[in-house]
């Protein structure tokens, strides 16, 4: 069973996982930088559900794009 696992495949999986997380962090930074209001305050303190759903949708969309790029 372990003979089928190739070190290059494991390393590429770890690399692309870290790359995906870094890209998601960059997206979060860009959104909070471009927003004319504090995003975290709106979601946490003001309980802005619409913004929270929008941010969730953005992250799901980015995850799908990153996964498609990695798989191609």
PDB file of N, CA and C in Angstrom:
ATOM      1  N   UNK A   1       0.823  -1.188   0.000  1.00  0.00           N
ATOM      2  CA  UNK A   1       0.000   0.000   0.000  1.00  0.00           C
ATOM      3  C   UNK A   1       0.870   1.256   0.000  1.00  0.00           C
ATOM      4  N   UNK A   2       1.905   1.274   0.811  1.00  0.00           N
ATOM      5  CA  UNK A   2       2.758   2.450   0.886  1.00  0.00           C
ATOM      6  C   UNK A   2       3.665   2.593  -0.320  1.00  0.00           C
ATOM      7  N   UNK A   3       3.833   1.518  -1.090  1.00  0.00           N
ATOM      8  CA  UNK A   3       4.677   1.621  -2.281  1.00  0.00           C
ATOM      9  C   UNK A   3       4.030   2.521  -3.324  1.00  0.00           C
ATOM     10  N   UNK A   4       2.705   2.596  -3.295  1.00  0.00           N
ATOM     11  CA  UNK A   4       1.991   3.389  -4.296  1.00  0.00           C
ATOM     12  C   UNK A   4       2.071   4.887  -4.002  1.00  0.00           C
ATOM     13  N   UNK A   5       2.386   5.244  -2.775  1.00  0.00           N
ATOM     14  CA  UNK A   5       2.475   6.660  -2.405  1.00  0.00           C
ATOM     15  C   UNK A   5       3.843   7.182  -2.824  1.00  0.00           C
ATOM     16  N   UNK A   6       3.831   8.157  -3.674  1.00  0.00           N
ATOM     17  CA  UNK A   6       5.072   8.743  -4.166  1.00  0.00           C
ATOM     18  C   UNK A   6       5.307  10.049  -3.409  1.00  0.00           C
ATOM     19  N   UNK A   7       6.548  10.262  -3.004  1.00  0.00           N
ATOM     20  CA  UNK A   7       6.897  11.434  -2.212  1.00  0.00           C
ATOM     21  C   UNK A   7       6.547  12.728  -2.944  1.00  0.00           C
ATOM     22  N   UNK A   8       6.729  12.758  -4.248  1.00  0.00           N
ATOM     23  CA  UNK A   8       6.429  13.970  -5.014  1.00  0.00           C
ATOM     24  C   UNK A   8       4.937  14.301  -4.944  1.00  0.00           C
ATOM     25  N   UNK A   9       4.086  13.296  -4.946  1.00  0.00           N
ATOM     26  CA  UNK A   9       2.647  13.539  -4.852  1.00  0.00           C
ATOM     27  C   UNK A   9       2.269  14.111  -3.486  1.00  0.00           C
ATOM     28  N   UNK A  10       2.878  13.579  -2.451  1.00  0.00           N
ATOM     29  CA  UNK A  10       2.598  14.074  -1.102  1.00  0.00           C
ATOM     30  C   UNK A  10       3.076  15.517  -0.963  1.00  0.00           C
ATOM     31  N   UNK A  11       4.278  15.797  -1.449  1.00  0.00           N
ATOM     32  CA  UNK A  11       4.807  17.159  -1.357  1.00  0.00           C
ATOM     33  C   UNK A  11       3.990  18.142  -2.189  1.00  0.00           C
ATOM     34  N   UNK A  12       3.552  17.716  -3.367  1.00  0.00           N
ATOM     35  CA  UNK A  12       2.749  18.625  -4.179  1.00  0.00           C
ATOM     36  C   UNK A  12       1.392  18.886  -3.529  1.00  0.00           C
ATOM     37  N   UNK A  13       0.827  17.877  -2.872  1.00  0.00           N
ATOM     38  CA  UNK A  13      -0.440  18.078  -2.172  1.00  0.00           C
ATOM     39  C   UNK A  13      -0.271  19.073  -1.037  1.00  0.00           C
ATOM     40  N   UNK A  14       0.783  18.935  -0.265  1.00  0.00           N
ATOM     41  CA  UNK A  14       1.049  19.871   0.837  1.00  0.00           C
ATOM     42  C   UNK A  14       1.307  21.269   0.284  1.00  0.00           C
ATOM     43  N   UNK A  15       2.094  21.359  -0.782  1.00  0.00           N
ATOM     44  CA  UNK A  15       2.409  22.659  -1.374  1.00  0.00           C
ATOM     45  C   UNK A  15       1.151  23.364  -1.859  1.00  0.00           C
ATOM     46  N   UNK A  16       0.312  22.657  -2.595  1.00  0.00           N
ATOM     47  CA  UNK A  16      -0.894  23.279  -3.132  1.00  0.00           C
ATOM     48  C   UNK A  16      -1.908  23.600  -2.033  1.00  0.00           C
ATOM     49  N   UNK A  17      -1.925  22.828  -0.969  1.00  0.00           N
ATOM     50  CA  UNK A  17      -2.803  23.154   0.154  1.00  0.00           C
ATOM     51  C   UNK A  17      -2.366  24.463   0.813  1.00  0.00           C
ATOM     52  N   UNK A  18      -1.075  24.598   1.036  1.00  0.00           N
ATOM     53  CA  UNK A  18      -0.548  25.834   1.625  1.00  0.00           C
ATOM     54  C   UNK A  18      -0.762  27.005   0.672  1.00  0.00           C
ATOM     55  N   UNK A  19      -0.547  26.777  -0.612  1.00  0.00           N
ATOM     56  CA  UNK A  19      -0.767  27.832  -1.599  1.00  0.00           C
ATOM     57  C   UNK A  19      -2.225  28.286  -1.599  1.00  0.00           C
ATOM     58  N   UNK A  20      -3.156  27.345  -1.514  1.00  0.00           N
ATOM     59  CA  UNK A  20      -4.571  27.695  -1.458  1.00  0.00           C
ATOM     60  C   UNK A  20      -4.905  28.514  -0.234  1.00  0.00           C
ATOM     61  N   UNK A  21      -4.346  28.141   0.916  1.00  0.00           N
ATOM     62  CA  UNK A  21      -4.594  28.903   2.144  1.00  0.00           C
ATOM     63  C   UNK A  21      -4.007  30.308   2.053  1.00  0.00           C
ATOM     64  N   UNK A  22      -2.836  30.428   1.469  1.00  0.00           N
ATOM     65  CA  UNK A  22      -2.213  31.740   1.309  1.00  0.00           C
ATOM     66  C   UNK A  22      -3.057  32.611   0.380  1.00  0.00           C
ATOM     67  N   UNK A  23      -3.545  32.035  -0.710  1.00  0.00           N
ATOM     68  CA  UNK A  23      -4.385  32.802  -1.625  1.00  0.00           C
ATOM     69  C   UNK A  23      -5.686  33.240  -0.959  1.00  0.00           C
ATOM     70  N   UNK A  24      -6.258  32.382  -0.122  1.00  0.00           N
ATOM     71  CA  UNK A  24      -7.473  32.769   0.594  1.00  0.00           C
ATOM     72  C   UNK A  24      -7.175  33.916   1.566  1.00  0.00           C
ATOM     73  N   UNK A  25      -6.023  33.884   2.209  1.00  0.00           N
ATOM     74  CA  UNK A  25      -5.622  34.990   3.083  1.00  0.00           C
ATOM     75  C   UNK A  25      -5.431  36.284   2.311  1.00  0.00           C
ATOM     76  N   UNK A  26      -4.861  36.182   1.124  1.00  0.00           N
ATOM     77  CA  UNK A  26      -4.673  37.370   0.284  1.00  0.00           C
ATOM     78  C   UNK A  26      -6.025  37.946  -0.126  1.00  0.00           C
ATOM     79  N   UNK A  27      -6.964  37.072  -0.463  1.00  0.00           N
ATOM     80  CA  UNK A  27      -8.308  37.536  -0.825  1.00  0.00           C
ATOM     81  C   UNK A  27      -8.955  38.249   0.354  1.00  0.00           C
ATOM     82  N   UNK A  28      -8.829  37.701   1.552  1.00  0.00           N
ATOM     83  CA  UNK A  28      -9.394  38.349   2.751  1.00  0.00           C
ATOM     84  C   UNK A  28      -8.762  39.725   2.952  1.00  0.00           C
ATOM     85  N   UNK A  29      -7.442  39.813   2.802  1.00  0.00           N
ATOM     86  CA  UNK A  29      -6.745  41.086   2.977  1.00  0.00           C
ATOM     87  C   UNK A  29      -7.224  42.111   1.943  1.00  0.00           C
ATOM     88  N   UNK A  30      -7.361  41.705   0.700  1.00  0.00           N
ATOM     89  CA  UNK A  30      -7.789  42.624  -0.357  1.00  0.00           C
ATOM     90  C   UNK A  30      -9.216  43.106  -0.111  1.00  0.00           C
ATOM     91  N   UNK A  31     -10.095  42.207   0.301  1.00  0.00           N
ATOM     92  CA  UNK A  31     -11.486  42.604   0.555  1.00  0.00           C
ATOM     93  C   UNK A  31     -11.559  43.590   1.716  1.00  0.00           C
ATOM     94  N   UNK A  32     -10.850  43.310   2.800  1.00  0.00           N
ATOM     95  CA  UNK A  32     -10.888  44.232   3.943  1.00  0.00           C
ATOM     96  C   UNK A  32     -10.202  45.550   3.618  1.00  0.00           C
ATOM     97  N   UNK A  33      -9.227  45.519   2.713  1.00  0.00           N
ATOM     98  CA  UNK A  33      -8.521  46.731   2.322  1.00  0.00           C
ATOM     99  C   UNK A  33      -9.400  47.604   1.420  1.00  0.00           C
ATOM    100  N   UNK A  34     -10.175  46.981   0.532  1.00  0.00           N
ATOM    101  CA  UNK A  34     -11.003  47.727  -0.414  1.00  0.00           C
ATOM    102  C   UNK A  34     -12.336  48.180   0.170  1.00  0.00           C
ATOM    103  N   UNK A  35     -12.803  47.508   1.194  1.00  0.00           N
ATOM    104  CA  UNK A  35     -14.103  47.846   1.773  1.00  0.00           C
ATOM    105  C   UNK A  35     -14.029  49.210   2.470  1.00  0.00           C
ATOM    106  N   UNK A  36     -15.063  50.037   2.272  1.00  0.00           N
ATOM    107  CA  UNK A  36     -15.045  51.361   2.913  1.00  0.00           C
ATOM    108  C   UNK A  36     -15.474  51.323   4.378  1.00  0.00           C
ATOM    109  N   UNK A  37     -15.626  50.130   4.943  1.00  0.00           N
ATOM    110  CA  UNK A  37     -16.045  49.973   6.334  1.00  0.00           C
ATOM    111  C   UNK A  37     -15.281  48.794   6.925  1.00  0.00           C
ATOM    112  N   UNK A  38     -15.170  48.720   8.244  1.00  0.00           N
ATOM    113  CA  UNK A  38     -14.477  47.575   8.856  1.00  0.00           C
ATOM    114  C   UNK A  38     -15.329  46.297   8.748  1.00  0.00           C
ATOM    115  N   UNK A  39     -14.861  45.353   7.967  1.00  0.00           N
ATOM    116  CA  UNK A  39     -15.629  44.136   7.679  1.00  0.00           C
ATOM    117  C   UNK A  39     -15.828  43.308   8.940  1.00  0.00           C
ATOM    118  N   UNK A  40     -14.791  43.136   9.717  1.00  0.00           N
ATOM    119  CA  UNK A  40     -14.883  42.308  10.927  1.00  0.00           C
ATOM    120  C   UNK A  40     -15.870  42.915  11.914  1.00  0.00           C
ATOM    121  N   UNK A  41     -15.825  44.224  12.089  1.00  0.00           N
ATOM    122  CA  UNK A  41     -16.769  44.893  13.009  1.00  0.00           C
ATOM    123  C   UNK A  41     -18.201  44.719  12.522  1.00  0.00           C
ATOM    124  N   UNK A  42     -18.429  44.852  11.221  1.00  0.00           N
ATOM    125  CA  UNK A  42     -19.773  44.698  10.673  1.00  0.00           C
ATOM    126  C   UNK A  42     -20.324  43.293  10.923  1.00  0.00           C
ATOM    127  N   UNK A  43     -19.467  42.292  10.768  1.00  0.00           N
ATOM    128  CA  UNK A  43     -19.933  40.915  10.921  1.00  0.00           C
ATOM    129  C   UNK A  43     -20.076  40.542  12.393  1.00  0.00           C
ATOM    130  N   UNK A  44     -19.067  40.860  13.196  1.00  0.00           N
ATOM    131  CA  UNK A  44     -19.069  40.416  14.591  1.00  0.00           C
ATOM    132  C   UNK A  44     -19.957  41.275  15.496  1.00  0.00           C
ATOM    133  N   UNK A  45     -19.753  42.565  15.476  1.00  0.00           N
ATOM    134  CA  UNK A  45     -20.457  43.434  16.427  1.00  0.00           C
ATOM    135  C   UNK A  45     -21.849  43.823  15.944  1.00  0.00           C
ATOM    136  N   UNK A  46     -21.965  44.182  14.668  1.00  0.00           N
ATOM    137  CA  UNK A  46     -23.241  44.648  14.145  1.00  0.00           C
ATOM    138  C   UNK A  46     -24.129  43.517  13.636  1.00  0.00           C
ATOM    139  N   UNK A  47     -23.614  42.289  13.648  1.00  0.00           N
ATOM    140  CA  UNK A  47     -24.375  41.100  13.236  1.00  0.00           C
ATOM    141  C   UNK A  47     -24.936  41.251  11.818  1.00  0.00           C
ATOM    142  N   UNK A  48     -24.110  41.728  10.893  1.00  0.00           N
ATOM    143  CA  UNK A  48     -24.533  41.931   9.507  1.00  0.00           C
ATOM    144  C   UNK A  48     -24.514  40.581   8.785  1.00  0.00           C
ATOM    145  N   UNK A  49     -25.667  39.922   8.739  1.00  0.00           N
ATOM    146  CA  UNK A  49     -25.765  38.589   8.140  1.00  0.00           C
ATOM    147  C   UNK A  49     -25.566  38.627   6.631  1.00  0.00           C
ATOM    148  N   UNK A  50     -26.020  39.686   5.985  1.00  0.00           N
ATOM    149  CA  UNK A  50     -25.868  39.792   4.536  1.00  0.00           C
ATOM    150  C   UNK A  50     -24.391  39.842   4.153  1.00  0.00           C
ATOM    151  N   UNK A  51     -23.613  40.594   4.893  1.00  0.00           N
ATOM    152  CA  UNK A  51     -22.181  40.672   4.616  1.00  0.00           C
ATOM    153  C   UNK A  51     -21.497  39.345   4.924  1.00  0.00           C
ATOM    154  N   UNK A  52     -21.906  38.681   5.979  1.00  0.00           N
ATOM    155  CA  UNK A  52     -21.319  37.386   6.316  1.00  0.00           C
ATOM    156  C   UNK A  52     -21.612  36.358   5.233  1.00  0.00           C
ATOM    157  N   UNK A  53     -22.827  36.346   4.711  1.00  0.00           N
ATOM    158  CA  UNK A  53     -23.175  35.421   3.634  1.00  0.00           C
ATOM    159  C   UNK A  53     -22.399  35.764   2.369  1.00  0.00           C
ATOM    160  N   UNK A  54     -22.260  37.036   2.078  1.00  0.00           N
ATOM    161  CA  UNK A  54     -21.497  37.466   0.913  1.00  0.00           C
ATOM    162  C   UNK A  54     -20.036  37.045   1.026  1.00  0.00           C
ATOM    163  N   UNK A  55     -19.442  37.247   2.192  1.00  0.00           N
ATOM    164  CA  UNK A  55     -18.046  36.850   2.393  1.00  0.00           C
ATOM    165  C   UNK A  55     -17.893  35.333   2.272  1.00  0.00           C
ATOM    166  N   UNK A  56     -18.843  34.594   2.815  1.00  0.00           N
ATOM    167  CA  UNK A  56     -18.807  33.141   2.680  1.00  0.00           C
ATOM    168  C   UNK A  56     -18.885  32.709   1.232  1.00  0.00           C
ATOM    169  N   UNK A  57     -19.747  33.364   0.457  1.00  0.00           N
ATOM    170  CA  UNK A  57     -19.880  33.036  -0.959  1.00  0.00           C
ATOM    171  C   UNK A  57     -18.604  33.372  -1.732  1.00  0.00           C
ATOM    172  N   UNK A  58     -17.965  34.468  -1.368  1.00  0.00           N
ATOM    173  CA  UNK A  58     -16.700  34.832  -2.009  1.00  0.00           C
ATOM    174  C   UNK A  58     -15.646  33.767  -1.734  1.00  0.00           C
ATOM    175  N   UNK A  59     -15.564  33.298  -0.492  1.00  0.00           N
ATOM    176  CA  UNK A  59     -14.566  32.291  -0.159  1.00  0.00           C
ATOM    177  C   UNK A  59     -14.865  30.940  -0.801  1.00  0.00           C
ATOM    178  N   UNK A  60     -16.129  30.576  -0.897  1.00  0.00           N
ATOM    179  CA  UNK A  60     -16.475  29.326  -1.586  1.00  0.00           C
ATOM    180  C   UNK A  60     -16.121  29.435  -3.063  1.00  0.00           C
ATOM    181  N   UNK A  61     -16.415  30.574  -3.672  1.00  0.00           N
ATOM    182  CA  UNK A  61     -16.056  30.788  -5.070  1.00  0.00           C
ATOM    183  C   UNK A  61     -14.554  30.739  -5.290  1.00  0.00           C
ATOM    184  N   UNK A  62     -13.803  31.381  -4.407  1.00  0.00           N
ATOM    185  CA  UNK A  62     -12.340  31.343  -4.525  1.00  0.00           C
ATOM    186  C   UNK A  62     -11.812  29.933  -4.338  1.00  0.00           C
ATOM    187  N   UNK A  63     -12.403  29.172  -3.418  1.00  0.00           N
ATOM    188  CA  UNK A  63     -11.966  27.796  -3.199  1.00  0.00           C
ATOM    189  C   UNK A  63     -12.224  26.945  -4.437  1.00  0.00           C
ATOM    190  N   UNK A  64     -13.345  27.161  -5.104  1.00  0.00           N
ATOM    191  CA  UNK A  64     -13.638  26.402  -6.319  1.00  0.00           C
ATOM    192  C   UNK A  64     -12.650  26.769  -7.421  1.00  0.00           C
ATOM    193  N   UNK A  65     -12.341  28.048  -7.565  1.00  0.00           N
ATOM    194  CA  UNK A  65     -11.391  28.490  -8.588  1.00  0.00           C
ATOM    195  C   UNK A  65     -10.009  27.917  -8.300  1.00  0.00           C
ATOM    196  N   UNK A  66      -9.549  27.990  -7.057  1.00  0.00           N
ATOM    197  CA  UNK A  66      -8.228  27.480  -6.700  1.00  0.00           C
ATOM    198  C   UNK A  66      -8.171  25.971  -6.916  1.00  0.00           C
ATOM    199  N   UNK A  67      -9.219  25.239  -6.548  1.00  0.00           N
ATOM    200  CA  UNK A  67      -9.239  23.798  -6.742  1.00  0.00           C
ATOM    201  C   UNK A  67      -9.207  23.452  -8.228  1.00  0.00           C
ATOM    202  N   UNK A  68      -9.924  24.201  -9.042  1.00  0.00           N
ATOM    203  CA  UNK A  68      -9.921  23.935 -10.479  1.00  0.00           C
ATOM    204  C   UNK A  68      -8.547  24.182 -11.095  1.00  0.00           C
ATOM    205  N   UNK A  69      -7.873  25.227 -10.639  1.00  0.00           N
ATOM    206  CA  UNK A  69      -6.529  25.515 -11.145  1.00  0.00           C
ATOM    207  C   UNK A  69      -5.547  24.425 -10.713  1.00  0.00           C
ATOM    208  N   UNK A  70      -5.653  23.995  -9.479  1.00  0.00           N
ATOM    209  CA  UNK A  70      -4.732  22.958  -8.984  1.00  0.00           C
ATOM    210  C   UNK A  70      -4.965  21.644  -9.703  1.00  0.00           C
ATOM    211  N   UNK A  71      -6.216  21.309  -9.986  1.00  0.00           N
ATOM    212  CA  UNK A  71      -6.510  20.039 -10.641  1.00  0.00           C
ATOM    213  C   UNK A  71      -6.204  20.041 -12.133  1.00  0.00           C
ATOM    214  N   UNK A  72      -6.052  21.213 -12.734  1.00  0.00           N
ATOM    215  CA  UNK A  72      -5.782  21.242 -14.176  1.00  0.00           C
ATOM    216  C   UNK A  72      -4.330  21.046 -14.499  1.00  0.00           C
TER     217      UNK A  72
END
